[in-house]
């Protein structure tokens, strides 16, 4: 059955790979599954047809036969469950990899998204200068623990897994802030993720949509 995902018709990040469809593309490339992309505008994301698939009017969505999914964590987990390459075969290692998927999205990403909000949407507020250092400290508190866990290892728990895929995707959002550069092992970890052939294919596919207006 054909897999179809949705993506921004024109990504707000200009094709830098930060839109969440890149995470799903990467997972599909890792497990070797071909897919099609349906591009949607911001107006179409709020239309009934799209809301029937994604109740919150966002991207990406995933359709395969009668199955429709939304939320990147759910989609990546589904792919990892259905195809080899993103979850270990060992039961305990598999459970740990799934735990890291949750950690990436529930523990590490929220303060990073808060930083994005503070800089982009609240930067003009009179209290922004006082709040921004506090937000950055919350990000660093998470990275301190993550960096200590990773140490000198290549990946979070043995071989590369869906946990690493989501964690690298989350950490990529920090690149422009400079905070990631404060953690040499985490910066190298992200670079390893970006160097994976599957990621390079996913990034290129996402960038190709936005390249005409990207500098």
N, C-alpha and C. Protein backbone atom coordinates (compact mmCIF):
# COMPACT_ATOMS: atom_id res chain seq x y z
N UNK A 1 0.83 -1.20 0.00
CA UNK A 1 0.00 0.00 0.00
C UNK A 1 0.87 1.24 0.00
N UNK A 2 0.43 2.26 -0.71
CA UNK A 2 1.18 3.50 -0.79
C UNK A 2 1.11 4.28 0.52
N UNK A 3 2.25 4.77 0.96
CA UNK A 3 2.32 5.63 2.14
C UNK A 3 2.31 7.07 1.67
N UNK A 4 1.44 7.88 2.24
CA UNK A 4 1.38 9.30 1.91
C UNK A 4 1.50 10.11 3.19
N UNK A 5 2.40 11.08 3.18
CA UNK A 5 2.53 11.98 4.32
C UNK A 5 2.21 13.40 3.84
N UNK A 6 1.90 14.27 4.79
CA UNK A 6 1.68 15.67 4.43
C UNK A 6 2.85 16.51 4.92
N UNK A 7 3.07 17.61 4.21
CA UNK A 7 4.13 18.55 4.56
C UNK A 7 3.67 19.95 4.18
N UNK A 8 4.36 20.95 4.74
CA UNK A 8 4.05 22.33 4.39
C UNK A 8 4.27 22.57 2.91
N UNK A 9 3.33 23.26 2.29
CA UNK A 9 3.53 23.72 0.92
C UNK A 9 4.73 24.65 0.85
N UNK A 10 4.89 25.47 1.88
CA UNK A 10 6.06 26.33 2.01
C UNK A 10 6.44 26.35 3.48
N UNK A 11 7.54 25.69 3.82
CA UNK A 11 7.91 25.53 5.22
C UNK A 11 8.37 26.85 5.83
N UNK A 12 7.93 27.15 7.05
CA UNK A 12 8.36 28.39 7.72
C UNK A 12 9.87 28.48 7.91
N UNK A 13 10.54 27.33 7.96
CA UNK A 13 11.99 27.37 8.20
C UNK A 13 12.78 27.47 6.90
N UNK A 14 12.09 27.55 5.77
CA UNK A 14 12.79 27.69 4.49
C UNK A 14 13.54 26.46 4.05
N UNK A 15 13.20 25.30 4.58
CA UNK A 15 13.83 24.06 4.15
C UNK A 15 15.05 23.66 4.95
N UNK A 16 15.15 24.13 6.19
CA UNK A 16 16.31 23.79 7.02
C UNK A 16 16.14 22.45 7.74
N UNK A 17 15.05 21.76 7.50
CA UNK A 17 14.87 20.44 8.10
C UNK A 17 14.24 20.46 9.47
N UNK A 18 13.73 21.61 9.91
CA UNK A 18 13.15 21.70 11.25
C UNK A 18 11.66 21.36 11.27
N UNK A 19 11.00 21.46 10.13
CA UNK A 19 9.59 21.07 10.08
C UNK A 19 9.47 19.59 10.40
N UNK A 20 8.41 19.22 11.10
CA UNK A 20 8.33 17.87 11.65
C UNK A 20 8.14 16.77 10.60
N UNK A 21 7.77 17.14 9.38
CA UNK A 21 7.71 16.09 8.35
C UNK A 21 9.09 15.51 8.09
N UNK A 22 10.16 16.28 8.36
CA UNK A 22 11.51 15.77 8.15
C UNK A 22 11.77 14.55 9.02
N UNK A 23 11.24 14.55 10.24
CA UNK A 23 11.42 13.41 11.14
C UNK A 23 10.77 12.15 10.56
N UNK A 24 9.59 12.31 9.99
CA UNK A 24 8.89 11.17 9.40
C UNK A 24 9.60 10.71 8.13
N UNK A 25 10.02 11.67 7.32
CA UNK A 25 10.79 11.31 6.11
C UNK A 25 12.04 10.50 6.50
N UNK A 26 12.73 10.97 7.53
CA UNK A 26 13.95 10.29 7.98
C UNK A 26 13.64 8.87 8.41
N UNK A 27 12.59 8.69 9.18
CA UNK A 27 12.21 7.35 9.61
C UNK A 27 11.89 6.45 8.42
N UNK A 28 11.16 6.98 7.46
CA UNK A 28 10.82 6.20 6.27
C UNK A 28 12.07 5.81 5.49
N UNK A 29 13.02 6.73 5.41
CA UNK A 29 14.27 6.42 4.71
C UNK A 29 15.08 5.37 5.47
N UNK A 30 15.08 5.45 6.80
CA UNK A 30 15.83 4.47 7.60
C UNK A 30 15.29 3.05 7.42
N UNK A 31 13.98 2.93 7.28
CA UNK A 31 13.39 1.59 7.15
C UNK A 31 13.16 1.20 5.70
N UNK A 32 13.57 2.06 4.78
CA UNK A 32 13.52 1.72 3.36
C UNK A 32 12.13 1.66 2.77
N UNK A 33 11.23 2.52 3.22
CA UNK A 33 9.87 2.52 2.71
C UNK A 33 9.64 3.72 1.79
N UNK A 34 9.21 3.49 0.55
CA UNK A 34 8.90 4.61 -0.34
C UNK A 34 7.63 5.32 0.13
N UNK A 35 7.52 6.57 -0.22
CA UNK A 35 6.35 7.33 0.24
C UNK A 35 6.07 8.47 -0.74
N UNK A 36 4.86 8.96 -0.67
CA UNK A 36 4.46 10.13 -1.43
C UNK A 36 4.17 11.27 -0.46
N UNK A 37 4.24 12.49 -0.96
CA UNK A 37 4.01 13.66 -0.12
C UNK A 37 2.88 14.49 -0.71
N UNK A 38 1.94 14.85 0.13
CA UNK A 38 0.88 15.77 -0.26
C UNK A 38 1.15 17.10 0.44
N UNK A 39 1.43 18.12 -0.35
CA UNK A 39 1.73 19.43 0.21
C UNK A 39 0.45 20.18 0.54
N UNK A 40 0.44 20.81 1.70
CA UNK A 40 -0.75 21.55 2.12
C UNK A 40 -0.37 22.97 2.51
N UNK A 41 -1.23 23.90 2.18
CA UNK A 41 -1.04 25.29 2.58
C UNK A 41 -1.55 25.47 4.01
N UNK A 42 -1.29 26.63 4.58
CA UNK A 42 -1.79 26.90 5.94
C UNK A 42 -3.31 26.92 5.96
N UNK A 43 -3.91 27.40 4.89
CA UNK A 43 -5.37 27.41 4.82
C UNK A 43 -5.91 25.99 4.72
N UNK A 44 -5.26 25.15 3.91
CA UNK A 44 -5.71 23.77 3.74
C UNK A 44 -5.56 22.96 5.02
N UNK A 45 -4.59 23.33 5.85
CA UNK A 45 -4.40 22.61 7.12
C UNK A 45 -5.59 22.78 8.05
N UNK A 46 -6.37 23.85 7.86
CA UNK A 46 -7.53 24.10 8.71
C UNK A 46 -8.84 23.69 8.04
N UNK A 47 -8.75 23.12 6.85
CA UNK A 47 -9.93 22.71 6.10
C UNK A 47 -10.44 21.36 6.62
N UNK A 48 -11.73 21.07 6.43
CA UNK A 48 -12.32 19.83 6.96
C UNK A 48 -11.60 18.56 6.55
N UNK A 49 -11.15 18.48 5.30
CA UNK A 49 -10.50 17.25 4.83
C UNK A 49 -9.24 16.95 5.64
N UNK A 50 -8.46 17.98 5.90
CA UNK A 50 -7.23 17.76 6.66
C UNK A 50 -7.54 17.54 8.14
N UNK A 51 -8.50 18.28 8.67
CA UNK A 51 -8.87 18.12 10.07
C UNK A 51 -9.42 16.73 10.36
N UNK A 52 -9.94 16.08 9.35
CA UNK A 52 -10.44 14.71 9.53
C UNK A 52 -9.29 13.75 9.80
N UNK A 53 -8.08 14.12 9.36
CA UNK A 53 -6.90 13.28 9.59
C UNK A 53 -6.13 13.78 10.80
N UNK A 54 -5.96 15.09 10.89
CA UNK A 54 -5.25 15.71 12.02
C UNK A 54 -6.19 16.69 12.70
N UNK A 55 -6.79 16.30 13.81
CA UNK A 55 -7.80 17.15 14.47
C UNK A 55 -7.29 18.53 14.87
N UNK A 56 -5.96 18.69 15.00
CA UNK A 56 -5.41 19.97 15.43
C UNK A 56 -4.90 20.81 14.27
N UNK A 57 -5.09 20.32 13.05
CA UNK A 57 -4.75 21.10 11.87
C UNK A 57 -3.28 21.38 11.70
N UNK A 58 -2.45 20.36 11.90
CA UNK A 58 -1.01 20.53 11.75
C UNK A 58 -0.47 19.49 10.77
N UNK A 59 0.83 19.51 10.60
CA UNK A 59 1.52 18.48 9.81
C UNK A 59 2.61 17.89 10.68
N UNK A 60 3.07 16.67 10.37
CA UNK A 60 2.65 15.83 9.25
C UNK A 60 1.49 14.91 9.63
N UNK A 61 0.91 14.32 8.61
CA UNK A 61 0.01 13.21 8.81
C UNK A 61 0.56 12.03 8.02
N UNK A 62 0.02 10.86 8.31
CA UNK A 62 0.51 9.62 7.69
C UNK A 62 -0.71 8.81 7.29
N UNK A 63 -0.76 8.41 6.03
CA UNK A 63 -1.86 7.58 5.54
C UNK A 63 -1.30 6.36 4.82
N UNK A 64 -1.83 5.22 5.17
CA UNK A 64 -1.44 3.96 4.54
C UNK A 64 -2.68 3.06 4.52
N UNK A 65 -3.28 2.92 3.35
CA UNK A 65 -4.53 2.16 3.28
C UNK A 65 -5.61 2.83 4.12
N UNK A 66 -6.21 2.08 5.02
CA UNK A 66 -7.27 2.61 5.88
C UNK A 66 -6.72 3.28 7.14
N UNK A 67 -5.39 3.23 7.33
CA UNK A 67 -4.78 3.80 8.54
C UNK A 67 -4.39 5.26 8.33
N UNK A 68 -4.83 6.10 9.25
CA UNK A 68 -4.43 7.51 9.26
C UNK A 68 -3.85 7.83 10.64
N UNK A 69 -2.68 8.46 10.65
CA UNK A 69 -2.04 8.82 11.91
C UNK A 69 -1.61 10.28 11.89
N UNK A 70 -1.49 10.86 13.08
CA UNK A 70 -0.87 12.17 13.23
C UNK A 70 0.02 12.11 14.46
N UNK A 71 0.81 13.15 14.67
CA UNK A 71 1.85 13.23 15.71
C UNK A 71 3.10 12.45 15.28
N UNK A 72 4.21 13.15 15.19
CA UNK A 72 5.43 12.51 14.69
C UNK A 72 5.87 11.33 15.55
N UNK A 73 5.74 11.45 16.87
CA UNK A 73 6.15 10.34 17.73
C UNK A 73 5.37 9.08 17.42
N UNK A 74 4.07 9.23 17.23
CA UNK A 74 3.22 8.09 16.91
C UNK A 74 3.58 7.49 15.56
N UNK A 75 3.82 8.35 14.59
CA UNK A 75 4.14 7.87 13.25
C UNK A 75 5.49 7.14 13.24
N UNK A 76 6.48 7.74 13.88
CA UNK A 76 7.80 7.10 13.92
C UNK A 76 7.72 5.78 14.68
N UNK A 77 6.97 5.74 15.77
CA UNK A 77 6.82 4.50 16.52
C UNK A 77 6.14 3.43 15.67
N UNK A 78 5.10 3.80 14.93
CA UNK A 78 4.42 2.85 14.04
C UNK A 78 5.40 2.27 13.02
N UNK A 79 6.19 3.13 12.40
CA UNK A 79 7.15 2.65 11.41
C UNK A 79 8.19 1.74 12.05
N UNK A 80 8.65 2.11 13.23
CA UNK A 80 9.65 1.30 13.92
C UNK A 80 9.09 -0.07 14.32
N UNK A 81 7.81 -0.11 14.65
CA UNK A 81 7.17 -1.37 15.00
C UNK A 81 6.96 -2.27 13.79
N UNK A 82 6.70 -1.65 12.65
CA UNK A 82 6.34 -2.42 11.45
C UNK A 82 7.54 -2.84 10.61
N UNK A 83 8.65 -2.15 10.74
CA UNK A 83 9.80 -2.41 9.88
C UNK A 83 11.09 -2.45 10.69
N UNK A 84 12.01 -3.29 10.27
CA UNK A 84 13.29 -3.40 10.95
C UNK A 84 14.14 -2.17 10.70
N UNK A 85 14.97 -1.83 11.70
CA UNK A 85 15.94 -0.77 11.51
C UNK A 85 15.89 0.36 12.52
N UNK A 86 14.79 0.47 13.26
CA UNK A 86 14.67 1.58 14.21
C UNK A 86 14.48 1.14 15.65
N UNK A 87 14.24 -0.13 15.89
CA UNK A 87 14.12 -0.64 17.25
C UNK A 87 14.91 -1.93 17.38
N UNK A 88 15.63 -2.13 18.47
CA UNK A 88 16.39 -3.36 18.67
C UNK A 88 15.47 -4.58 18.78
N UNK A 89 16.00 -5.74 18.51
CA UNK A 89 15.23 -6.97 18.66
C UNK A 89 15.15 -7.41 20.12
N UNK A 90 16.21 -7.16 20.88
CA UNK A 90 16.21 -7.51 22.29
C UNK A 90 15.11 -6.76 23.03
N UNK A 91 14.35 -7.46 23.86
CA UNK A 91 13.18 -6.87 24.51
C UNK A 91 13.53 -5.67 25.37
N UNK A 92 14.55 -5.82 26.20
CA UNK A 92 14.92 -4.73 27.11
C UNK A 92 15.49 -3.53 26.36
N UNK A 93 16.33 -3.80 25.37
CA UNK A 93 16.91 -2.72 24.58
C UNK A 93 15.81 -1.99 23.80
N UNK A 94 14.83 -2.75 23.34
CA UNK A 94 13.70 -2.17 22.63
C UNK A 94 12.92 -1.21 23.55
N UNK A 95 12.67 -1.66 24.76
CA UNK A 95 11.95 -0.82 25.72
C UNK A 95 12.73 0.45 26.03
N UNK A 96 14.05 0.32 26.14
CA UNK A 96 14.87 1.52 26.42
C UNK A 96 14.83 2.49 25.25
N UNK A 97 14.86 1.96 24.03
CA UNK A 97 14.80 2.83 22.84
C UNK A 97 13.49 3.60 22.80
N UNK A 98 12.40 2.91 23.14
CA UNK A 98 11.09 3.56 23.17
C UNK A 98 11.06 4.63 24.26
N UNK A 99 11.70 4.34 25.39
CA UNK A 99 11.78 5.33 26.47
C UNK A 99 12.48 6.59 25.99
N UNK A 100 13.55 6.45 25.20
CA UNK A 100 14.26 7.61 24.68
C UNK A 100 13.41 8.38 23.67
N UNK A 101 12.54 7.70 22.97
CA UNK A 101 11.60 8.40 22.09
C UNK A 101 10.73 9.36 22.91
N UNK A 102 10.19 8.83 24.02
CA UNK A 102 9.36 9.66 24.89
C UNK A 102 10.18 10.78 25.52
N UNK A 103 11.41 10.47 25.92
CA UNK A 103 12.26 11.48 26.55
C UNK A 103 12.54 12.64 25.61
N UNK A 104 12.79 12.32 24.35
CA UNK A 104 13.08 13.36 23.36
C UNK A 104 11.90 14.33 23.23
N UNK A 105 10.70 13.78 23.13
CA UNK A 105 9.53 14.61 22.86
C UNK A 105 8.91 15.21 24.11
N UNK A 106 9.00 14.51 25.24
CA UNK A 106 8.31 14.97 26.45
C UNK A 106 9.20 15.70 27.45
N UNK A 107 10.50 15.41 27.43
CA UNK A 107 11.41 15.99 28.41
C UNK A 107 12.36 17.02 27.81
N UNK A 108 12.95 16.70 26.67
CA UNK A 108 13.96 17.58 26.09
C UNK A 108 13.35 18.65 25.18
N UNK A 109 12.37 18.28 24.40
CA UNK A 109 11.83 19.25 23.42
C UNK A 109 11.05 20.40 24.04
N UNK A 110 10.23 20.21 25.08
CA UNK A 110 9.42 21.33 25.58
C UNK A 110 10.20 22.59 25.92
N UNK A 111 11.31 22.53 26.68
CA UNK A 111 12.04 23.77 26.95
C UNK A 111 12.68 24.37 25.70
N UNK A 112 13.03 23.52 24.73
CA UNK A 112 13.59 24.03 23.48
C UNK A 112 12.54 24.79 22.70
N UNK A 113 11.32 24.27 22.67
CA UNK A 113 10.24 24.98 22.01
C UNK A 113 9.90 26.27 22.75
N UNK A 114 10.03 26.24 24.06
CA UNK A 114 9.80 27.45 24.84
C UNK A 114 10.82 28.52 24.47
N UNK A 115 12.06 28.10 24.22
CA UNK A 115 13.08 29.04 23.80
C UNK A 115 12.74 29.65 22.45
N UNK A 116 12.26 28.83 21.53
CA UNK A 116 11.85 29.34 20.22
C UNK A 116 10.74 30.37 20.37
N UNK A 117 9.76 30.05 21.21
CA UNK A 117 8.66 30.98 21.44
C UNK A 117 9.16 32.29 22.05
N UNK A 118 10.06 32.17 23.03
CA UNK A 118 10.57 33.36 23.70
C UNK A 118 11.32 34.27 22.75
N UNK A 119 12.06 33.70 21.81
CA UNK A 119 12.87 34.51 20.91
C UNK A 119 12.08 35.06 19.74
N UNK A 120 11.19 34.24 19.17
CA UNK A 120 10.51 34.65 17.94
C UNK A 120 9.21 35.39 18.22
N UNK A 121 8.43 34.87 19.14
CA UNK A 121 7.10 35.43 19.35
C UNK A 121 7.00 36.39 20.53
N UNK A 122 7.99 36.35 21.42
CA UNK A 122 7.93 37.21 22.60
C UNK A 122 9.12 38.16 22.70
N UNK A 123 9.93 38.18 21.66
CA UNK A 123 11.15 38.99 21.70
C UNK A 123 10.91 40.48 21.82
N UNK A 124 9.72 40.93 21.43
CA UNK A 124 9.43 42.36 21.50
C UNK A 124 8.71 42.76 22.79
N UNK A 125 8.52 41.81 23.69
CA UNK A 125 7.83 42.11 24.93
C UNK A 125 8.78 42.81 25.91
N UNK A 126 8.25 43.69 26.75
CA UNK A 126 9.13 44.43 27.67
C UNK A 126 9.85 43.55 28.67
N UNK A 127 9.31 42.38 28.94
CA UNK A 127 9.93 41.48 29.92
C UNK A 127 10.80 40.41 29.27
N UNK A 128 10.98 40.50 27.94
CA UNK A 128 11.70 39.45 27.21
C UNK A 128 13.15 39.29 27.68
N UNK A 129 13.84 40.42 27.89
CA UNK A 129 15.26 40.34 28.26
C UNK A 129 15.46 39.65 29.60
N UNK A 130 14.48 39.79 30.49
CA UNK A 130 14.59 39.15 31.80
C UNK A 130 14.23 37.67 31.71
N UNK A 131 13.28 37.33 30.85
CA UNK A 131 12.80 35.96 30.77
C UNK A 131 13.74 35.05 29.97
N UNK A 132 14.34 35.57 28.93
CA UNK A 132 15.14 34.73 28.03
C UNK A 132 16.25 33.97 28.73
N UNK A 133 17.02 34.57 29.63
CA UNK A 133 18.06 33.81 30.32
C UNK A 133 17.49 32.66 31.16
N UNK A 134 16.31 32.84 31.72
CA UNK A 134 15.68 31.78 32.51
C UNK A 134 15.30 30.61 31.61
N UNK A 135 14.78 30.92 30.44
CA UNK A 135 14.41 29.87 29.49
C UNK A 135 15.65 29.11 29.03
N UNK A 136 16.72 29.84 28.73
CA UNK A 136 17.96 29.19 28.30
C UNK A 136 18.51 28.29 29.40
N UNK A 137 18.38 28.72 30.64
CA UNK A 137 18.85 27.89 31.75
C UNK A 137 18.05 26.59 31.85
N UNK A 138 16.75 26.65 31.54
CA UNK A 138 15.94 25.43 31.57
C UNK A 138 16.38 24.47 30.46
N UNK A 139 16.75 25.02 29.32
CA UNK A 139 17.27 24.18 28.24
C UNK A 139 18.58 23.53 28.67
N UNK A 140 19.47 24.33 29.23
CA UNK A 140 20.78 23.80 29.66
C UNK A 140 20.63 22.73 30.75
N UNK A 141 19.63 22.88 31.60
CA UNK A 141 19.42 21.88 32.64
C UNK A 141 19.13 20.52 32.03
N UNK A 142 18.39 20.50 30.94
CA UNK A 142 18.12 19.23 30.25
C UNK A 142 19.37 18.72 29.53
N UNK A 143 20.07 19.64 28.88
CA UNK A 143 21.26 19.22 28.13
C UNK A 143 22.37 18.75 29.04
N UNK A 144 22.47 19.32 30.22
CA UNK A 144 23.48 18.85 31.18
C UNK A 144 23.30 17.36 31.44
N UNK A 145 22.07 16.96 31.70
CA UNK A 145 21.78 15.56 32.01
C UNK A 145 21.95 14.67 30.78
N UNK A 146 21.49 15.16 29.65
CA UNK A 146 21.61 14.38 28.42
C UNK A 146 23.07 14.18 28.05
N UNK A 147 23.85 15.24 28.16
CA UNK A 147 25.28 15.15 27.85
C UNK A 147 25.99 14.17 28.77
N UNK A 148 25.63 14.21 30.05
CA UNK A 148 26.25 13.29 31.01
C UNK A 148 25.91 11.84 30.68
N UNK A 149 24.67 11.60 30.25
CA UNK A 149 24.28 10.23 29.90
C UNK A 149 25.02 9.76 28.66
N UNK A 150 25.06 10.61 27.63
CA UNK A 150 25.68 10.20 26.36
C UNK A 150 27.18 9.96 26.54
N UNK A 151 27.85 10.83 27.28
CA UNK A 151 29.28 10.67 27.46
C UNK A 151 30.02 10.64 26.14
N UNK A 152 30.81 9.59 25.93
CA UNK A 152 31.59 9.46 24.69
C UNK A 152 30.96 8.47 23.72
N UNK A 153 29.76 8.01 24.04
CA UNK A 153 29.09 7.02 23.18
C UNK A 153 28.61 7.68 21.89
N UNK A 154 28.43 6.87 20.87
CA UNK A 154 27.91 7.38 19.60
C UNK A 154 26.41 7.65 19.69
N UNK A 155 25.69 6.74 20.35
CA UNK A 155 24.23 6.82 20.42
C UNK A 155 23.76 6.64 21.86
N UNK A 156 22.51 6.88 22.10
CA UNK A 156 21.99 6.92 23.47
C UNK A 156 22.02 5.58 24.18
N UNK A 157 21.84 4.49 23.43
CA UNK A 157 21.78 3.17 24.07
C UNK A 157 22.21 2.10 23.08
N UNK A 158 23.49 2.02 22.86
CA UNK A 158 23.98 1.02 21.91
C UNK A 158 23.85 1.50 20.48
N UNK A 159 23.16 0.72 19.65
CA UNK A 159 23.01 1.06 18.24
C UNK A 159 22.01 2.19 18.04
N UNK A 160 22.11 2.85 16.90
CA UNK A 160 21.16 3.90 16.52
C UNK A 160 19.74 3.35 16.56
N UNK A 161 18.80 4.16 17.06
CA UNK A 161 17.41 3.72 17.16
C UNK A 161 16.48 4.90 16.91
N UNK A 162 15.19 4.62 16.97
CA UNK A 162 14.18 5.68 16.83
C UNK A 162 14.34 6.72 17.93
N UNK A 163 14.86 6.33 19.09
CA UNK A 163 15.13 7.29 20.15
C UNK A 163 16.15 8.33 19.72
N UNK A 164 17.20 7.88 19.03
CA UNK A 164 18.21 8.81 18.52
C UNK A 164 17.64 9.68 17.41
N UNK A 165 16.85 9.08 16.54
CA UNK A 165 16.26 9.84 15.44
C UNK A 165 15.47 11.04 15.98
N UNK A 166 14.64 10.80 16.98
CA UNK A 166 13.83 11.88 17.53
C UNK A 166 14.68 12.85 18.36
N UNK A 167 15.65 12.33 19.10
CA UNK A 167 16.47 13.21 19.92
C UNK A 167 17.31 14.14 19.05
N UNK A 168 17.92 13.62 18.01
CA UNK A 168 18.71 14.46 17.10
C UNK A 168 17.80 15.51 16.46
N UNK A 169 16.61 15.10 16.04
CA UNK A 169 15.67 16.03 15.42
C UNK A 169 15.31 17.17 16.36
N UNK A 170 15.14 16.84 17.63
CA UNK A 170 14.81 17.86 18.64
C UNK A 170 16.00 18.80 18.85
N UNK A 171 17.19 18.24 19.00
CA UNK A 171 18.38 19.06 19.27
C UNK A 171 18.74 19.98 18.11
N UNK A 172 18.37 19.59 16.90
CA UNK A 172 18.66 20.43 15.74
C UNK A 172 18.05 21.82 15.88
N UNK A 173 16.97 21.92 16.63
CA UNK A 173 16.30 23.21 16.82
C UNK A 173 17.17 24.20 17.60
N UNK A 174 18.21 23.69 18.25
CA UNK A 174 19.07 24.56 19.06
C UNK A 174 20.24 25.15 18.30
N UNK A 175 20.44 24.71 17.08
CA UNK A 175 21.67 25.08 16.37
C UNK A 175 21.82 26.60 16.26
N UNK A 176 20.76 27.29 15.91
CA UNK A 176 20.85 28.74 15.70
C UNK A 176 21.08 29.49 17.01
N UNK A 177 20.72 28.88 18.13
CA UNK A 177 20.87 29.55 19.42
C UNK A 177 22.30 29.57 19.93
N UNK A 178 23.12 28.64 19.45
CA UNK A 178 24.49 28.52 19.91
C UNK A 178 24.64 27.67 21.17
N UNK A 179 23.51 27.31 21.79
CA UNK A 179 23.59 26.54 23.03
C UNK A 179 24.15 25.14 22.78
N UNK A 180 23.80 24.56 21.65
CA UNK A 180 24.29 23.21 21.36
C UNK A 180 25.80 23.16 21.33
N UNK A 181 26.44 24.24 20.87
CA UNK A 181 27.89 24.28 20.77
C UNK A 181 28.57 24.26 22.14
N UNK A 182 27.81 24.50 23.20
CA UNK A 182 28.37 24.46 24.55
C UNK A 182 28.61 23.02 25.01
N UNK A 183 28.06 22.06 24.27
CA UNK A 183 28.16 20.65 24.63
C UNK A 183 28.79 19.89 23.46
N UNK A 184 30.10 19.70 23.56
CA UNK A 184 30.85 19.12 22.45
C UNK A 184 30.32 17.75 22.06
N UNK A 185 30.00 16.92 23.03
CA UNK A 185 29.55 15.56 22.69
C UNK A 185 28.16 15.57 22.07
N UNK A 186 27.30 16.50 22.49
CA UNK A 186 25.96 16.57 21.89
C UNK A 186 26.02 17.14 20.48
N UNK A 187 26.89 18.12 20.26
CA UNK A 187 27.06 18.65 18.91
C UNK A 187 27.56 17.58 17.96
N UNK A 188 28.50 16.75 18.44
CA UNK A 188 29.02 15.65 17.62
C UNK A 188 27.95 14.59 17.39
N UNK A 189 27.13 14.38 18.40
CA UNK A 189 26.01 13.42 18.30
C UNK A 189 25.03 13.85 17.20
N UNK A 190 24.68 15.11 17.20
CA UNK A 190 23.78 15.63 16.17
C UNK A 190 24.43 15.51 14.80
N UNK A 191 25.70 15.82 14.71
CA UNK A 191 26.41 15.72 13.43
C UNK A 191 26.40 14.29 12.91
N UNK A 192 26.53 13.31 13.80
CA UNK A 192 26.47 11.90 13.37
C UNK A 192 25.09 11.58 12.80
N UNK A 193 24.07 12.09 13.45
CA UNK A 193 22.72 11.86 12.94
C UNK A 193 22.54 12.47 11.56
N UNK A 194 23.00 13.70 11.39
CA UNK A 194 22.86 14.39 10.11
C UNK A 194 23.67 13.71 9.00
N UNK A 195 24.72 13.00 9.38
CA UNK A 195 25.58 12.34 8.38
C UNK A 195 25.01 11.01 7.89
N UNK A 196 23.98 10.51 8.55
CA UNK A 196 23.40 9.25 8.12
C UNK A 196 22.78 9.41 6.73
N UNK A 197 23.01 8.46 5.82
CA UNK A 197 22.45 8.58 4.46
C UNK A 197 20.95 8.78 4.45
N UNK A 198 20.25 8.12 5.37
CA UNK A 198 18.79 8.26 5.41
C UNK A 198 18.39 9.70 5.75
N UNK A 199 19.12 10.31 6.68
CA UNK A 199 18.82 11.70 7.01
C UNK A 199 19.11 12.62 5.83
N UNK A 200 20.23 12.40 5.16
CA UNK A 200 20.60 13.24 4.03
C UNK A 200 19.54 13.18 2.94
N UNK A 201 18.98 11.99 2.70
CA UNK A 201 17.92 11.86 1.70
C UNK A 201 16.66 12.60 2.15
N UNK A 202 16.32 12.45 3.43
CA UNK A 202 15.13 13.12 3.96
C UNK A 202 15.28 14.64 3.89
N UNK A 203 16.45 15.13 4.28
CA UNK A 203 16.69 16.57 4.26
C UNK A 203 16.61 17.11 2.84
N UNK A 204 17.24 16.40 1.91
CA UNK A 204 17.24 16.85 0.52
C UNK A 204 15.83 16.91 -0.04
N UNK A 205 15.00 15.93 0.31
CA UNK A 205 13.62 15.91 -0.19
C UNK A 205 12.83 17.08 0.37
N UNK A 206 13.04 17.38 1.66
CA UNK A 206 12.33 18.50 2.28
C UNK A 206 12.84 19.83 1.74
N UNK A 207 14.14 19.93 1.56
CA UNK A 207 14.73 21.18 1.08
C UNK A 207 14.31 21.48 -0.35
N UNK A 208 14.15 20.43 -1.17
CA UNK A 208 13.81 20.63 -2.58
C UNK A 208 12.49 21.37 -2.75
N UNK A 209 11.59 21.20 -1.81
CA UNK A 209 10.29 21.88 -1.88
C UNK A 209 10.46 23.37 -1.66
N UNK A 210 11.41 23.73 -0.82
CA UNK A 210 11.56 25.12 -0.37
C UNK A 210 12.73 25.84 -1.04
N UNK A 211 13.55 25.10 -1.77
CA UNK A 211 14.77 25.68 -2.35
C UNK A 211 14.56 26.92 -3.19
N UNK A 212 13.49 27.03 -3.99
CA UNK A 212 13.35 28.21 -4.85
C UNK A 212 13.33 29.53 -4.09
N UNK A 213 12.90 29.53 -2.82
CA UNK A 213 12.86 30.77 -2.06
C UNK A 213 13.84 30.77 -0.91
N UNK A 214 14.73 29.76 -0.85
CA UNK A 214 15.72 29.69 0.22
C UNK A 214 17.00 30.37 -0.22
N UNK A 215 17.65 31.02 0.69
CA UNK A 215 18.93 31.65 0.36
C UNK A 215 20.05 30.70 0.70
